[in-house]
């Protein structure tokens, strides 16, 4: 399990997805496409595998993904075919905060 801390970069082992940690700390089972993500410093790339069924919704560049409790937040820096998850649960796309009305 990789140790998450803000600024850490991770890459998927089954697709082209790359993320950077915005919020979160400690040992977390970060996955993409159902497979564990690898530290980007390892210099490894996707091995050509396929995302698992149910974890192939894809990621969007520039979007933030959070867990239901919003204790972990990652920013997608390179899109891919796999869905991000933690401990078997998929991460949700973070919604933008509405701006206050200006009259």
PDB file of N, CA and C in Angstrom:
ATOM      1  N   UNK A   1       0.842  -1.186   0.000  1.00  0.00           N
ATOM      2  CA  UNK A   1       0.000   0.000   0.000  1.00  0.00           C
ATOM      3  C   UNK A   1       0.887   1.249   0.000  1.00  0.00           C
ATOM      4  N   UNK A   2       0.601   2.167  -0.909  1.00  0.00           N
ATOM      5  CA  UNK A   2       1.396   3.398  -0.926  1.00  0.00           C
ATOM      6  C   UNK A   2       0.989   4.351   0.196  1.00  0.00           C
ATOM      7  N   UNK A   3       1.953   5.106   0.663  1.00  0.00           N
ATOM      8  CA  UNK A   3       1.690   6.131   1.666  1.00  0.00           C
ATOM      9  C   UNK A   3       1.302   7.411   0.948  1.00  0.00           C
ATOM     10  N   UNK A   4       0.103   7.907   1.247  1.00  0.00           N
ATOM     11  CA  UNK A   4      -0.378   9.120   0.597  1.00  0.00           C
ATOM     12  C   UNK A   4       0.023  10.340   1.409  1.00  0.00           C
ATOM     13  N   UNK A   5       0.482  11.360   0.719  1.00  0.00           N
ATOM     14  CA  UNK A   5       0.716  12.667   1.322  1.00  0.00           C
ATOM     15  C   UNK A   5       0.571  13.688   0.203  1.00  0.00           C
ATOM     16  N   UNK A   6       0.110  14.878   0.500  1.00  0.00           N
ATOM     17  CA  UNK A   6      -0.085  15.886  -0.541  1.00  0.00           C
ATOM     18  C   UNK A   6       1.185  16.086  -1.366  1.00  0.00           C
ATOM     19  N   UNK A   7       0.997  16.092  -2.678  1.00  0.00           N
ATOM     20  CA  UNK A   7       2.110  16.256  -3.601  1.00  0.00           C
ATOM     21  C   UNK A   7       2.632  14.951  -4.168  1.00  0.00           C
ATOM     22  N   UNK A   8       2.245  13.808  -3.593  1.00  0.00           N
ATOM     23  CA  UNK A   8       2.686  12.507  -4.099  1.00  0.00           C
ATOM     24  C   UNK A   8       2.027  12.241  -5.449  1.00  0.00           C
ATOM     25  N   UNK A   9       2.788  11.643  -6.358  1.00  0.00           N
ATOM     26  CA  UNK A   9       2.275  11.315  -7.691  1.00  0.00           C
ATOM     27  C   UNK A   9       2.199   9.802  -7.854  1.00  0.00           C
ATOM     28  N   UNK A  10       1.116   9.362  -8.504  1.00  0.00           N
ATOM     29  CA  UNK A  10       0.916   7.943  -8.744  1.00  0.00           C
ATOM     30  C   UNK A  10       0.478   7.712 -10.185  1.00  0.00           C
ATOM     31  N   UNK A  11       0.819   6.538 -10.702  1.00  0.00           N
ATOM     32  CA  UNK A  11       0.442   6.167 -12.057  1.00  0.00           C
ATOM     33  C   UNK A  11      -0.229   4.795 -12.037  1.00  0.00           C
ATOM     34  N   UNK A  12      -1.150   4.588 -12.956  1.00  0.00           N
ATOM     35  CA  UNK A  12      -1.886   3.332 -13.027  1.00  0.00           C
ATOM     36  C   UNK A  12      -1.019   2.243 -13.635  1.00  0.00           C
ATOM     37  N   UNK A  13      -1.273   1.004 -13.216  1.00  0.00           N
ATOM     38  CA  UNK A  13      -0.561  -0.135 -13.787  1.00  0.00           C
ATOM     39  C   UNK A  13      -1.352  -0.788 -14.912  1.00  0.00           C
ATOM     40  N   UNK A  14      -2.578  -0.303 -15.187  1.00  0.00           N
ATOM     41  CA  UNK A  14      -3.404  -0.914 -16.240  1.00  0.00           C
ATOM     42  C   UNK A  14      -3.869   0.071 -17.315  1.00  0.00           C
ATOM     43  N   UNK A  15      -3.646   1.353 -17.122  1.00  0.00           N
ATOM     44  CA  UNK A  15      -4.042   2.343 -18.131  1.00  0.00           C
ATOM     45  C   UNK A  15      -3.121   3.550 -18.019  1.00  0.00           C
ATOM     46  N   UNK A  16      -3.446   4.621 -18.700  1.00  0.00           N
ATOM     47  CA  UNK A  16      -2.576   5.792 -18.751  1.00  0.00           C
ATOM     48  C   UNK A  16      -2.833   6.802 -17.638  1.00  0.00           C
ATOM     49  N   UNK A  17      -3.748   6.524 -16.730  1.00  0.00           N
ATOM     50  CA  UNK A  17      -4.107   7.466 -15.671  1.00  0.00           C
ATOM     51  C   UNK A  17      -2.917   7.807 -14.769  1.00  0.00           C
ATOM     52  N   UNK A  18      -2.773   9.106 -14.496  1.00  0.00           N
ATOM     53  CA  UNK A  18      -1.798   9.585 -13.522  1.00  0.00           C
ATOM     54  C   UNK A  18      -2.490  10.598 -12.630  1.00  0.00           C
ATOM     55  N   UNK A  19      -2.169  10.570 -11.325  1.00  0.00           N
ATOM     56  CA  UNK A  19      -2.802  11.479 -10.366  1.00  0.00           C
ATOM     57  C   UNK A  19      -1.753  12.073  -9.436  1.00  0.00           C
ATOM     58  N   UNK A  20      -2.144  13.177  -8.811  1.00  0.00           N
ATOM     59  CA  UNK A  20      -1.352  13.786  -7.748  1.00  0.00           C
ATOM     60  C   UNK A  20      -2.272  13.932  -6.540  1.00  0.00           C
ATOM     61  N   UNK A  21      -1.760  13.621  -5.353  1.00  0.00           N
ATOM     62  CA  UNK A  21      -2.554  13.683  -4.130  1.00  0.00           C
ATOM     63  C   UNK A  21      -2.685  15.142  -3.689  1.00  0.00           C
ATOM     64  N   UNK A  22      -3.923  15.585  -3.481  1.00  0.00           N
ATOM     65  CA  UNK A  22      -4.206  16.940  -3.020  1.00  0.00           C
ATOM     66  C   UNK A  22      -4.421  16.934  -1.508  1.00  0.00           C
ATOM     67  N   UNK A  23      -5.127  15.910  -1.014  1.00  0.00           N
ATOM     68  CA  UNK A  23      -5.460  15.832   0.409  1.00  0.00           C
ATOM     69  C   UNK A  23      -5.455  14.372   0.831  1.00  0.00           C
ATOM     70  N   UNK A  24      -4.945  14.119   2.017  1.00  0.00           N
ATOM     71  CA  UNK A  24      -4.926  12.764   2.550  1.00  0.00           C
ATOM     72  C   UNK A  24      -3.554  12.420   3.074  1.00  0.00           C
ATOM     73  N   UNK A  25      -3.508  11.479   3.989  1.00  0.00           N
ATOM     74  CA  UNK A  25      -2.240  11.055   4.568  1.00  0.00           C
ATOM     75  C   UNK A  25      -2.367   9.638   5.086  1.00  0.00           C
ATOM     76  N   UNK A  26      -1.252   8.937   5.098  1.00  0.00           N
ATOM     77  CA  UNK A  26      -1.218   7.588   5.645  1.00  0.00           C
ATOM     78  C   UNK A  26      -1.268   6.513   4.580  1.00  0.00           C
ATOM     79  N   UNK A  27      -1.319   5.286   5.041  1.00  0.00           N
ATOM     80  CA  UNK A  27      -1.354   4.117   4.164  1.00  0.00           C
ATOM     81  C   UNK A  27      -2.770   3.917   3.639  1.00  0.00           C
ATOM     82  N   UNK A  28      -2.934   4.009   2.321  1.00  0.00           N
ATOM     83  CA  UNK A  28      -4.242   3.868   1.696  1.00  0.00           C
ATOM     84  C   UNK A  28      -4.090   2.979   0.470  1.00  0.00           C
ATOM     85  N   UNK A  29      -5.071   2.112   0.243  1.00  0.00           N
ATOM     86  CA  UNK A  29      -5.069   1.211  -0.909  1.00  0.00           C
ATOM     87  C   UNK A  29      -5.653   1.940  -2.116  1.00  0.00           C
ATOM     88  N   UNK A  30      -4.847   2.769  -2.783  1.00  0.00           N
ATOM     89  CA  UNK A  30      -5.280   3.540  -3.942  1.00  0.00           C
ATOM     90  C   UNK A  30      -5.202   2.665  -5.184  1.00  0.00           C
ATOM     91  N   UNK A  31      -6.328   2.554  -5.906  1.00  0.00           N
ATOM     92  CA  UNK A  31      -6.372   1.698  -7.093  1.00  0.00           C
ATOM     93  C   UNK A  31      -6.878   2.475  -8.308  1.00  0.00           C
ATOM     94  N   UNK A  32      -6.576   1.945  -9.466  1.00  0.00           N
ATOM     95  CA  UNK A  32      -7.112   2.469 -10.721  1.00  0.00           C
ATOM     96  C   UNK A  32      -7.407   1.275 -11.609  1.00  0.00           C
ATOM     97  N   UNK A  33      -8.633   1.170 -12.061  1.00  0.00           N
ATOM     98  CA  UNK A  33      -9.023   0.031 -12.881  1.00  0.00           C
ATOM     99  C   UNK A  33      -9.021  -1.274 -12.116  1.00  0.00           C
ATOM    100  N   UNK A  34      -9.108  -1.200 -10.792  1.00  0.00           N
ATOM    101  CA  UNK A  34      -9.119  -2.395  -9.956  1.00  0.00           C
ATOM    102  C   UNK A  34      -7.741  -2.890  -9.572  1.00  0.00           C
ATOM    103  N   UNK A  35      -6.674  -2.258 -10.065  1.00  0.00           N
ATOM    104  CA  UNK A  35      -5.298  -2.665  -9.761  1.00  0.00           C
ATOM    105  C   UNK A  35      -4.610  -1.578  -8.938  1.00  0.00           C
ATOM    106  N   UNK A  36      -3.694  -1.953  -8.060  1.00  0.00           N
ATOM    107  CA  UNK A  36      -2.994  -0.948  -7.248  1.00  0.00           C
ATOM    108  C   UNK A  36      -2.231   0.057  -8.115  1.00  0.00           C
ATOM    109  N   UNK A  37      -2.238   1.319  -7.669  1.00  0.00           N
ATOM    110  CA  UNK A  37      -1.476   2.351  -8.370  1.00  0.00           C
ATOM    111  C   UNK A  37      -0.029   2.303  -7.880  1.00  0.00           C
ATOM    112  N   UNK A  38       0.874   2.721  -8.756  1.00  0.00           N
ATOM    113  CA  UNK A  38       2.302   2.693  -8.470  1.00  0.00           C
ATOM    114  C   UNK A  38       2.823   4.104  -8.298  1.00  0.00           C
ATOM    115  N   UNK A  39       3.854   4.260  -7.460  1.00  0.00           N
ATOM    116  CA  UNK A  39       4.471   5.568  -7.293  1.00  0.00           C
ATOM    117  C   UNK A  39       5.070   5.994  -8.626  1.00  0.00           C
ATOM    118  N   UNK A  40       4.832   7.237  -9.023  1.00  0.00           N
ATOM    119  CA  UNK A  40       5.317   7.729 -10.313  1.00  0.00           C
ATOM    120  C   UNK A  40       6.836   7.779 -10.350  1.00  0.00           C
ATOM    121  N   UNK A  41       7.486   7.862  -9.197  1.00  0.00           N
ATOM    122  CA  UNK A  41       8.946   7.914  -9.159  1.00  0.00           C
ATOM    123  C   UNK A  41       9.578   6.587  -9.537  1.00  0.00           C
ATOM    124  N   UNK A  42       8.785   5.523  -9.520  1.00  0.00           N
ATOM    125  CA  UNK A  42       9.311   4.207  -9.877  1.00  0.00           C
ATOM    126  C   UNK A  42       9.636   4.130 -11.361  1.00  0.00           C
ATOM    127  N   UNK A  43       9.105   5.063 -12.152  1.00  0.00           N
ATOM    128  CA  UNK A  43       9.389   5.105 -13.576  1.00  0.00           C
ATOM    129  C   UNK A  43       8.703   4.007 -14.368  1.00  0.00           C
ATOM    130  N   UNK A  44       7.710   3.359 -13.793  1.00  0.00           N
ATOM    131  CA  UNK A  44       7.002   2.303 -14.494  1.00  0.00           C
ATOM    132  C   UNK A  44       5.801   2.876 -15.211  1.00  0.00           C
ATOM    133  N   UNK A  45       5.410   2.231 -16.273  1.00  0.00           N
ATOM    134  CA  UNK A  45       4.241   2.656 -17.045  1.00  0.00           C
ATOM    135  C   UNK A  45       3.238   1.519 -17.074  1.00  0.00           C
ATOM    136  N   UNK A  46       2.087   1.790 -17.669  1.00  0.00           N
ATOM    137  CA  UNK A  46       1.047   0.771 -17.783  1.00  0.00           C
ATOM    138  C   UNK A  46       1.600  -0.444 -18.526  1.00  0.00           C
ATOM    139  N   UNK A  47       1.290  -1.628 -18.016  1.00  0.00           N
ATOM    140  CA  UNK A  47       1.818  -2.848 -18.630  1.00  0.00           C
ATOM    141  C   UNK A  47       0.907  -3.383 -19.723  1.00  0.00           C
ATOM    142  N   UNK A  48      -0.069  -2.599 -20.140  1.00  0.00           N
ATOM    143  CA  UNK A  48      -0.949  -3.029 -21.206  1.00  0.00           C
ATOM    144  C   UNK A  48      -2.139  -3.828 -20.724  1.00  0.00           C
ATOM    145  N   UNK A  49      -2.345  -3.945 -19.428  1.00  0.00           N
ATOM    146  CA  UNK A  49      -3.487  -4.664 -18.884  1.00  0.00           C
ATOM    147  C   UNK A  49      -4.782  -3.914 -19.163  1.00  0.00           C
ATOM    148  N   UNK A  50      -5.868  -4.505 -18.770  1.00  0.00           N
ATOM    149  CA  UNK A  50      -7.187  -3.908 -18.944  1.00  0.00           C
ATOM    150  C   UNK A  50      -7.803  -3.626 -17.580  1.00  0.00           C
ATOM    151  N   UNK A  51      -8.527  -2.511 -17.456  1.00  0.00           N
ATOM    152  CA  UNK A  51      -9.240  -2.248 -16.204  1.00  0.00           C
ATOM    153  C   UNK A  51     -10.272  -3.348 -15.928  1.00  0.00           C
ATOM    154  N   UNK A  52     -10.469  -3.665 -14.671  1.00  0.00           N
ATOM    155  CA  UNK A  52     -11.433  -4.678 -14.271  1.00  0.00           C
ATOM    156  C   UNK A  52     -12.858  -4.205 -14.556  1.00  0.00           C
ATOM    157  N   UNK A  53     -13.771  -5.172 -14.747  1.00  0.00           N
ATOM    158  CA  UNK A  53     -15.179  -4.825 -14.930  1.00  0.00           C
ATOM    159  C   UNK A  53     -15.670  -4.084 -13.693  1.00  0.00           C
ATOM    160  N   UNK A  54     -16.432  -3.032 -13.893  1.00  0.00           N
ATOM    161  CA  UNK A  54     -16.939  -2.229 -12.793  1.00  0.00           C
ATOM    162  C   UNK A  54     -15.967  -1.139 -12.369  1.00  0.00           C
ATOM    163  N   UNK A  55     -14.752  -1.162 -12.912  1.00  0.00           N
ATOM    164  CA  UNK A  55     -13.757  -0.141 -12.581  1.00  0.00           C
ATOM    165  C   UNK A  55     -13.175   0.435 -13.871  1.00  0.00           C
ATOM    166  N   UNK A  56     -14.034   0.516 -14.899  1.00  0.00           N
ATOM    167  CA  UNK A  56     -13.553   0.992 -16.194  1.00  0.00           C
ATOM    168  C   UNK A  56     -14.323   2.213 -16.677  1.00  0.00           C
ATOM    169  N   UNK A  57     -14.729   3.065 -15.747  1.00  0.00           N
ATOM    170  CA  UNK A  57     -15.474   4.274 -16.104  1.00  0.00           C
ATOM    171  C   UNK A  57     -14.597   5.389 -16.640  1.00  0.00           C
ATOM    172  N   UNK A  58     -13.297   5.294 -16.399  1.00  0.00           N
ATOM    173  CA  UNK A  58     -12.362   6.293 -16.891  1.00  0.00           C
ATOM    174  C   UNK A  58     -12.177   7.464 -15.949  1.00  0.00           C
ATOM    175  N   UNK A  59     -11.115   8.226 -16.217  1.00  0.00           N
ATOM    176  CA  UNK A  59     -10.809   9.431 -15.451  1.00  0.00           C
ATOM    177  C   UNK A  59     -10.691  10.599 -16.414  1.00  0.00           C
ATOM    178  N   UNK A  60     -10.942  11.788 -15.922  1.00  0.00           N
ATOM    179  CA  UNK A  60     -10.906  12.995 -16.742  1.00  0.00           C
ATOM    180  C   UNK A  60      -9.788  13.910 -16.268  1.00  0.00           C
ATOM    181  N   UNK A  61      -9.013  14.425 -17.199  1.00  0.00           N
ATOM    182  CA  UNK A  61      -7.893  15.293 -16.862  1.00  0.00           C
ATOM    183  C   UNK A  61      -8.372  16.588 -16.208  1.00  0.00           C
ATOM    184  N   UNK A  62      -7.682  16.993 -15.146  1.00  0.00           N
ATOM    185  CA  UNK A  62      -8.002  18.229 -14.454  1.00  0.00           C
ATOM    186  C   UNK A  62      -9.131  18.119 -13.449  1.00  0.00           C
ATOM    187  N   UNK A  63      -9.721  16.950 -13.315  1.00  0.00           N
ATOM    188  CA  UNK A  63     -10.821  16.756 -12.370  1.00  0.00           C
ATOM    189  C   UNK A  63     -10.303  16.171 -11.062  1.00  0.00           C
ATOM    190  N   UNK A  64     -10.984  16.516  -9.984  1.00  0.00           N
ATOM    191  CA  UNK A  64     -10.630  16.011  -8.660  1.00  0.00           C
ATOM    192  C   UNK A  64     -11.588  14.887  -8.275  1.00  0.00           C
ATOM    193  N   UNK A  65     -11.034  13.876  -7.622  1.00  0.00           N
ATOM    194  CA  UNK A  65     -11.802  12.721  -7.180  1.00  0.00           C
ATOM    195  C   UNK A  65     -11.629  12.579  -5.670  1.00  0.00           C
ATOM    196  N   UNK A  66     -12.743  12.307  -4.970  1.00  0.00           N
ATOM    197  CA  UNK A  66     -12.735  12.208  -3.512  1.00  0.00           C
ATOM    198  C   UNK A  66     -13.438  10.934  -3.058  1.00  0.00           C
ATOM    199  N   UNK A  67     -13.079  10.498  -1.839  1.00  0.00           N
ATOM    200  CA  UNK A  67     -13.789   9.372  -1.240  1.00  0.00           C
ATOM    201  C   UNK A  67     -15.061   9.919  -0.598  1.00  0.00           C
ATOM    202  N   UNK A  68     -16.012   9.065  -0.212  1.00  0.00           N
ATOM    203  CA  UNK A  68     -17.286   9.553   0.343  1.00  0.00           C
ATOM    204  C   UNK A  68     -17.125  10.451   1.572  1.00  0.00           C
ATOM    205  N   UNK A  69     -16.096  10.222   2.390  1.00  0.00           N
ATOM    206  CA  UNK A  69     -15.883  11.041   3.585  1.00  0.00           C
ATOM    207  C   UNK A  69     -15.064  12.294   3.293  1.00  0.00           C
ATOM    208  N   UNK A  70     -14.588  12.427   2.075  1.00  0.00           N
ATOM    209  CA  UNK A  70     -13.723  13.526   1.632  1.00  0.00           C
ATOM    210  C   UNK A  70     -12.464  13.652   2.484  1.00  0.00           C
ATOM    211  N   UNK A  71     -11.896  12.493   2.874  1.00  0.00           N
ATOM    212  CA  UNK A  71     -10.630  12.487   3.596  1.00  0.00           C
ATOM    213  C   UNK A  71      -9.448  12.353   2.641  1.00  0.00           C
ATOM    214  N   UNK A  72      -9.716  11.842   1.432  1.00  0.00           N
ATOM    215  CA  UNK A  72      -8.687  11.704   0.391  1.00  0.00           C
ATOM    216  C   UNK A  72      -9.190  12.402  -0.860  1.00  0.00           C
ATOM    217  N   UNK A  73      -8.311  13.200  -1.462  1.00  0.00           N
ATOM    218  CA  UNK A  73      -8.649  13.903  -2.704  1.00  0.00           C
ATOM    219  C   UNK A  73      -7.447  13.821  -3.631  1.00  0.00           C
ATOM    220  N   UNK A  74      -7.682  13.402  -4.879  1.00  0.00           N
ATOM    221  CA  UNK A  74      -6.620  13.328  -5.877  1.00  0.00           C
ATOM    222  C   UNK A  74      -7.033  14.120  -7.117  1.00  0.00           C
ATOM    223  N   UNK A  75      -6.033  14.657  -7.801  1.00  0.00           N
ATOM    224  CA  UNK A  75      -6.237  15.422  -9.029  1.00  0.00           C
ATOM    225  C   UNK A  75      -5.687  14.603 -10.179  1.00  0.00           C
ATOM    226  N   UNK A  76      -6.494  14.389 -11.204  1.00  0.00           N
ATOM    227  CA  UNK A  76      -6.074  13.621 -12.371  1.00  0.00           C
ATOM    228  C   UNK A  76      -5.216  14.514 -13.275  1.00  0.00           C
ATOM    229  N   UNK A  77      -3.959  14.103 -13.506  1.00  0.00           N
ATOM    230  CA  UNK A  77      -3.051  14.865 -14.359  1.00  0.00           C
ATOM    231  C   UNK A  77      -2.908  14.261 -15.747  1.00  0.00           C
ATOM    232  N   UNK A  78      -3.355  13.012 -15.911  1.00  0.00           N
ATOM    233  CA  UNK A  78      -3.361  12.364 -17.220  1.00  0.00           C
ATOM    234  C   UNK A  78      -4.535  11.397 -17.240  1.00  0.00           C
ATOM    235  N   UNK A  79      -5.458  11.537 -18.197  1.00  0.00           N
ATOM    236  CA  UNK A  79      -6.654  10.687 -18.213  1.00  0.00           C
ATOM    237  C   UNK A  79      -6.352   9.255 -18.642  1.00  0.00           C
ATOM    238  N   UNK A  80      -7.294   8.371 -18.320  1.00  0.00           N
ATOM    239  CA  UNK A  80      -7.165   6.975 -18.705  1.00  0.00           C
ATOM    240  C   UNK A  80      -8.501   6.265 -18.666  1.00  0.00           C
ATOM    241  N   UNK A  81      -8.471   4.957 -18.923  1.00  0.00           N
ATOM    242  CA  UNK A  81      -9.699   4.160 -18.997  1.00  0.00           C
ATOM    243  C   UNK A  81     -10.159   3.602 -17.661  1.00  0.00           C
ATOM    244  N   UNK A  82      -9.288   3.551 -16.652  1.00  0.00           N
ATOM    245  CA  UNK A  82      -9.639   2.973 -15.356  1.00  0.00           C
ATOM    246  C   UNK A  82     -10.296   3.979 -14.436  1.00  0.00           C
ATOM    247  N   UNK A  83     -11.111   3.475 -13.512  1.00  0.00           N
ATOM    248  CA  UNK A  83     -11.741   4.312 -12.481  1.00  0.00           C
ATOM    249  C   UNK A  83     -10.897   4.255 -11.217  1.00  0.00           C
ATOM    250  N   UNK A  84     -10.805   5.390 -10.518  1.00  0.00           N
ATOM    251  CA  UNK A  84     -10.044   5.470  -9.286  1.00  0.00           C
ATOM    252  C   UNK A  84     -10.842   4.909  -8.121  1.00  0.00           C
ATOM    253  N   UNK A  85     -10.155   4.277  -7.178  1.00  0.00           N
ATOM    254  CA  UNK A  85     -10.826   3.713  -6.018  1.00  0.00           C
ATOM    255  C   UNK A  85      -9.905   3.639  -4.816  1.00  0.00           C
ATOM    256  N   UNK A  86     -10.520   3.446  -3.659  1.00  0.00           N
ATOM    257  CA  UNK A  86      -9.786   3.236  -2.414  1.00  0.00           C
ATOM    258  C   UNK A  86     -10.454   2.090  -1.682  1.00  0.00           C
ATOM    259  N   UNK A  87      -9.689   1.059  -1.393  1.00  0.00           N
ATOM    260  CA  UNK A  87     -10.205  -0.074  -0.630  1.00  0.00           C
ATOM    261  C   UNK A  87     -11.412  -0.739  -1.256  1.00  0.00           C
ATOM    262  N   UNK A  88     -11.473  -0.830  -2.558  1.00  0.00           N
ATOM    263  CA  UNK A  88     -12.584  -1.482  -3.234  1.00  0.00           C
ATOM    264  C   UNK A  88     -13.766  -0.590  -3.541  1.00  0.00           C
ATOM    265  N   UNK A  89     -13.791   0.621  -3.005  1.00  0.00           N
ATOM    266  CA  UNK A  89     -14.878   1.571  -3.287  1.00  0.00           C
ATOM    267  C   UNK A  89     -14.375   2.625  -4.268  1.00  0.00           C
ATOM    268  N   UNK A  90     -15.186   2.922  -5.276  1.00  0.00           N
ATOM    269  CA  UNK A  90     -14.795   3.906  -6.279  1.00  0.00           C
ATOM    270  C   UNK A  90     -14.852   5.326  -5.726  1.00  0.00           C
ATOM    271  N   UNK A  91     -13.936   6.164  -6.190  1.00  0.00           N
ATOM    272  CA  UNK A  91     -13.939   7.572  -5.808  1.00  0.00           C
ATOM    273  C   UNK A  91     -14.958   8.325  -6.645  1.00  0.00           C
ATOM    274  N   UNK A  92     -15.510   9.386  -6.075  1.00  0.00           N
ATOM    275  CA  UNK A  92     -16.510  10.203  -6.753  1.00  0.00           C
ATOM    276  C   UNK A  92     -15.849  11.436  -7.357  1.00  0.00           C
ATOM    277  N   UNK A  93     -16.397  11.891  -8.475  1.00  0.00           N
ATOM    278  CA  UNK A  93     -15.961  13.140  -9.083  1.00  0.00           C
ATOM    279  C   UNK A  93     -16.404  14.272  -8.178  1.00  0.00           C
ATOM    280  N   UNK A  94     -15.469  15.145  -7.803  1.00  0.00           N
ATOM    281  CA  UNK A  94     -15.794  16.240  -6.893  1.00  0.00           C
ATOM    282  C   UNK A  94     -16.532  17.328  -7.658  1.00  0.00           C
ATOM    283  N   UNK A  95     -17.653  17.766  -7.101  1.00  0.00           N
ATOM    284  CA  UNK A  95     -18.453  18.826  -7.710  1.00  0.00           C
ATOM    285  C   UNK A  95     -17.843  20.178  -7.394  1.00  0.00           C
ATOM    286  N   UNK A  96     -18.020  21.122  -8.292  1.00  0.00           N
ATOM    287  CA  UNK A  96     -17.564  22.486  -8.068  1.00  0.00           C
ATOM    288  C   UNK A  96     -18.492  23.159  -7.063  1.00  0.00           C
ATOM    289  N   UNK A  97     -17.908  24.023  -6.248  1.00  0.00           N
ATOM    290  CA  UNK A  97     -18.721  24.762  -5.289  1.00  0.00           C
ATOM    291  C   UNK A  97     -19.441  25.878  -6.038  1.00  0.00           C
ATOM    292  N   UNK A  98     -20.730  26.043  -5.765  1.00  0.00           N
ATOM    293  CA  UNK A  98     -21.462  27.130  -6.440  1.00  0.00           C
ATOM    294  C   UNK A  98     -20.977  28.485  -5.945  1.00  0.00           C
ATOM    295  N   UNK A  99     -20.880  29.415  -6.853  1.00  0.00           N
ATOM    296  CA  UNK A  99     -20.490  30.780  -6.491  1.00  0.00           C
ATOM    297  C   UNK A  99     -21.687  31.529  -5.956  1.00  0.00           C
ATOM    298  N   UNK A 100     -21.468  32.483  -5.072  1.00  0.00           N
ATOM    299  CA  UNK A 100     -22.582  33.264  -4.552  1.00  0.00           C
ATOM    300  C   UNK A 100     -23.168  34.158  -5.651  1.00  0.00           C
ATOM    301  N   UNK A 101     -24.436  34.397  -5.554  1.00  0.00           N
ATOM    302  CA  UNK A 101     -25.110  35.236  -6.542  1.00  0.00           C
ATOM    303  C   UNK A 101     -24.653  36.690  -6.389  1.00  0.00           C
ATOM    304  N   UNK A 102     -24.457  37.332  -7.514  1.00  0.00           N
ATOM    305  CA  UNK A 102     -24.088  38.742  -7.452  1.00  0.00           C
ATOM    306  C   UNK A 102     -25.228  39.546  -8.080  1.00  0.00           C
ATOM    307  N   UNK A 103     -25.758  40.425  -7.311  1.00  0.00           N
ATOM    308  CA  UNK A 103     -26.896  41.219  -7.796  1.00  0.00           C
ATOM    309  C   UNK A 103     -26.491  42.648  -8.030  1.00  0.00           C
TER     310      UNK A 103
END
